[in-house]
């Protein structure tokens, strides 16, 4: 599990990128193999694995090639622990804008 306590965003990105590299190696794929299947350049895969110049789009492409898109789909799922949470989520899922609060100052 990813420990997010006292962690910077760049540290999290670096860990995720290292895991993508480990997954690629476990699948016995070269960076060129992944790049070709993801539709990106080999040096982009290299930079991604090193945690440099990481775009979310490229990370998703590589994760999909490695068969790990389900983990990404699980990001930011709603926390529905009670019936009230479910009702609130259903109501907000239909709303497209959040009304701006009036300044009381």
C-alpha atoms as a PDB file:
ATOM      1  CA  UNK A   1       0.000   0.000   0.000  1.00  0.00           C
ATOM      2  CA  UNK A   2       1.152   3.522  -0.710  1.00  0.00           C
ATOM      3  CA  UNK A   3       1.971   5.475   2.471  1.00  0.00           C
ATOM      4  CA  UNK A   4       0.996   9.090   1.830  1.00  0.00           C
ATOM      5  CA  UNK A   5       1.965  10.487   5.228  1.00  0.00           C
ATOM      6  CA  UNK A   6       4.499  13.321   4.997  1.00  0.00           C
ATOM      7  CA  UNK A   7       5.081  12.554   1.339  1.00  0.00           C
ATOM      8  CA  UNK A   8       5.520  15.061  -1.447  1.00  0.00           C
ATOM      9  CA  UNK A   9       3.767  14.797  -4.785  1.00  0.00           C
ATOM     10  CA  UNK A  10       7.076  14.189  -6.554  1.00  0.00           C
ATOM     11  CA  UNK A  11       7.874  11.294  -4.191  1.00  0.00           C
ATOM     12  CA  UNK A  12       4.532   9.679  -4.967  1.00  0.00           C
ATOM     13  CA  UNK A  13       5.088  10.112  -8.712  1.00  0.00           C
ATOM     14  CA  UNK A  14       8.566   8.612  -8.443  1.00  0.00           C
ATOM     15  CA  UNK A  15       7.253   5.545  -6.546  1.00  0.00           C
ATOM     16  CA  UNK A  16       4.467   4.973  -9.053  1.00  0.00           C
ATOM     17  CA  UNK A  17       6.916   5.297 -11.932  1.00  0.00           C
ATOM     18  CA  UNK A  18       9.273   2.805 -10.298  1.00  0.00           C
ATOM     19  CA  UNK A  19       6.365   0.392  -9.966  1.00  0.00           C
ATOM     20  CA  UNK A  20       5.539   0.785 -13.656  1.00  0.00           C
ATOM     21  CA  UNK A  21       9.156  -0.098 -14.460  1.00  0.00           C
ATOM     22  CA  UNK A  22       9.041  -3.131 -12.171  1.00  0.00           C
ATOM     23  CA  UNK A  23       5.802  -4.265 -13.816  1.00  0.00           C
ATOM     24  CA  UNK A  24       7.293  -3.837 -17.298  1.00  0.00           C
ATOM     25  CA  UNK A  25      10.314  -5.929 -16.342  1.00  0.00           C
ATOM     26  CA  UNK A  26       8.106  -8.601 -14.756  1.00  0.00           C
ATOM     27  CA  UNK A  27       6.226  -8.835 -18.047  1.00  0.00           C
ATOM     28  CA  UNK A  28       9.594  -9.119 -19.848  1.00  0.00           C
ATOM     29  CA  UNK A  29       8.862  -6.125 -22.064  1.00  0.00           C
ATOM     30  CA  UNK A  30      11.409  -3.637 -23.293  1.00  0.00           C
ATOM     31  CA  UNK A  31      10.858   0.095 -23.127  1.00  0.00           C
ATOM     32  CA  UNK A  32      10.598   0.008 -26.918  1.00  0.00           C
ATOM     33  CA  UNK A  33       7.842  -2.647 -26.713  1.00  0.00           C
ATOM     34  CA  UNK A  34       5.832  -0.550 -24.272  1.00  0.00           C
ATOM     35  CA  UNK A  35       6.420   2.638 -26.249  1.00  0.00           C
ATOM     36  CA  UNK A  36       5.254   1.065 -29.507  1.00  0.00           C
ATOM     37  CA  UNK A  37       2.091  -0.345 -27.948  1.00  0.00           C
ATOM     38  CA  UNK A  38       1.340   2.894 -26.053  1.00  0.00           C
ATOM     39  CA  UNK A  39       1.936   5.106 -29.095  1.00  0.00           C
ATOM     40  CA  UNK A  40       4.679   7.129 -27.417  1.00  0.00           C
ATOM     41  CA  UNK A  41       8.442   7.474 -27.881  1.00  0.00           C
ATOM     42  CA  UNK A  42      10.902   5.132 -26.170  1.00  0.00           C
ATOM     43  CA  UNK A  43      12.594   8.068 -24.451  1.00  0.00           C
ATOM     44  CA  UNK A  44       9.170   9.034 -23.037  1.00  0.00           C
ATOM     45  CA  UNK A  45       8.926   5.609 -21.380  1.00  0.00           C
ATOM     46  CA  UNK A  46      12.483   6.018 -20.090  1.00  0.00           C
ATOM     47  CA  UNK A  47      11.702   9.452 -18.663  1.00  0.00           C
ATOM     48  CA  UNK A  48       8.459   8.179 -17.176  1.00  0.00           C
ATOM     49  CA  UNK A  49      10.196   5.312 -15.396  1.00  0.00           C
ATOM     50  CA  UNK A  50      12.752   7.763 -14.025  1.00  0.00           C
ATOM     51  CA  UNK A  51      10.016  10.092 -12.807  1.00  0.00           C
ATOM     52  CA  UNK A  52      11.041  12.888 -15.184  1.00  0.00           C
ATOM     53  CA  UNK A  53       8.603  14.880 -17.323  1.00  0.00           C
ATOM     54  CA  UNK A  54       5.687  12.698 -16.295  1.00  0.00           C
ATOM     55  CA  UNK A  55       2.364  13.479 -17.918  1.00  0.00           C
ATOM     56  CA  UNK A  56      -0.718  11.766 -16.604  1.00  0.00           C
ATOM     57  CA  UNK A  57      -1.768  10.871 -20.133  1.00  0.00           C
ATOM     58  CA  UNK A  58       1.482   8.995 -20.776  1.00  0.00           C
ATOM     59  CA  UNK A  59       1.303   7.291 -17.384  1.00  0.00           C
ATOM     60  CA  UNK A  60      -2.202   6.073 -18.210  1.00  0.00           C
ATOM     61  CA  UNK A  61      -1.089   4.836 -21.643  1.00  0.00           C
ATOM     62  CA  UNK A  62       1.769   2.820 -20.133  1.00  0.00           C
ATOM     63  CA  UNK A  63      -0.444   1.465 -17.351  1.00  0.00           C
ATOM     64  CA  UNK A  64      -2.932   0.298 -19.972  1.00  0.00           C
ATOM     65  CA  UNK A  65      -0.217  -1.485 -21.957  1.00  0.00           C
ATOM     66  CA  UNK A  66       0.895  -3.191 -18.746  1.00  0.00           C
ATOM     67  CA  UNK A  67      -2.682  -4.256 -17.995  1.00  0.00           C
ATOM     68  CA  UNK A  68      -3.037  -2.040 -14.922  1.00  0.00           C
ATOM     69  CA  UNK A  69      -5.823   0.323 -16.005  1.00  0.00           C
ATOM     70  CA  UNK A  70      -8.224  -1.057 -13.371  1.00  0.00           C
ATOM     71  CA  UNK A  71      -6.047   0.411 -10.624  1.00  0.00           C
ATOM     72  CA  UNK A  72      -6.289   3.829 -12.269  1.00  0.00           C
ATOM     73  CA  UNK A  73     -10.039   3.500 -12.660  1.00  0.00           C
ATOM     74  CA  UNK A  74     -10.188   3.011  -8.899  1.00  0.00           C
ATOM     75  CA  UNK A  75      -8.739   6.439  -8.197  1.00  0.00           C
ATOM     76  CA  UNK A  76     -11.084   8.871  -6.489  1.00  0.00           C
ATOM     77  CA  UNK A  77     -14.014   6.517  -6.205  1.00  0.00           C
ATOM     78  CA  UNK A  78     -16.651   7.975  -3.917  1.00  0.00           C
ATOM     79  CA  UNK A  79     -16.531   7.016  -0.258  1.00  0.00           C
ATOM     80  CA  UNK A  80     -19.984   5.601   0.271  1.00  0.00           C
ATOM     81  CA  UNK A  81     -20.023   4.334   3.829  1.00  0.00           C
ATOM     82  CA  UNK A  82     -23.554   5.242   4.865  1.00  0.00           C
ATOM     83  CA  UNK A  83     -26.955   5.618   3.250  1.00  0.00           C
ATOM     84  CA  UNK A  84     -26.613   9.412   3.627  1.00  0.00           C
ATOM     85  CA  UNK A  85     -23.321   9.267   1.690  1.00  0.00           C
ATOM     86  CA  UNK A  86     -25.061   7.399  -1.137  1.00  0.00           C
ATOM     87  CA  UNK A  87     -27.960   9.846  -1.283  1.00  0.00           C
ATOM     88  CA  UNK A  88     -25.616  12.862  -1.240  1.00  0.00           C
ATOM     89  CA  UNK A  89     -23.490  11.300  -3.996  1.00  0.00           C
ATOM     90  CA  UNK A  90     -26.522  10.628  -6.185  1.00  0.00           C
ATOM     91  CA  UNK A  91     -27.665  14.241  -5.807  1.00  0.00           C
ATOM     92  CA  UNK A  92     -24.238  15.711  -6.584  1.00  0.00           C
ATOM     93  CA  UNK A  93     -23.684  13.379  -9.529  1.00  0.00           C
ATOM     94  CA  UNK A  94     -26.581  15.112 -11.291  1.00  0.00           C
ATOM     95  CA  UNK A  95     -25.404  18.634 -10.475  1.00  0.00           C
ATOM     96  CA  UNK A  96     -22.906  20.190 -12.889  1.00  0.00           C
ATOM     97  CA  UNK A  97     -21.969  23.372 -11.070  1.00  0.00           C
ATOM     98  CA  UNK A  98     -21.377  24.271  -7.492  1.00  0.00           C
ATOM     99  CA  UNK A  99     -22.943  27.558  -6.505  1.00  0.00           C
ATOM    100  CA  UNK A 100     -20.511  30.180  -5.321  1.00  0.00           C
ATOM    101  CA  UNK A 101     -20.970  31.219  -1.704  1.00  0.00           C
ATOM    102  CA  UNK A 102     -21.748  34.873  -1.137  1.00  0.00           C
ATOM    103  CA  UNK A 103     -19.029  36.902   0.571  1.00  0.00           C
ATOM    104  CA  UNK A 104     -20.145  38.078   4.012  1.00  0.00           C
ATOM    105  CA  UNK A 105     -17.305  40.569   4.310  1.00  0.00           C
END
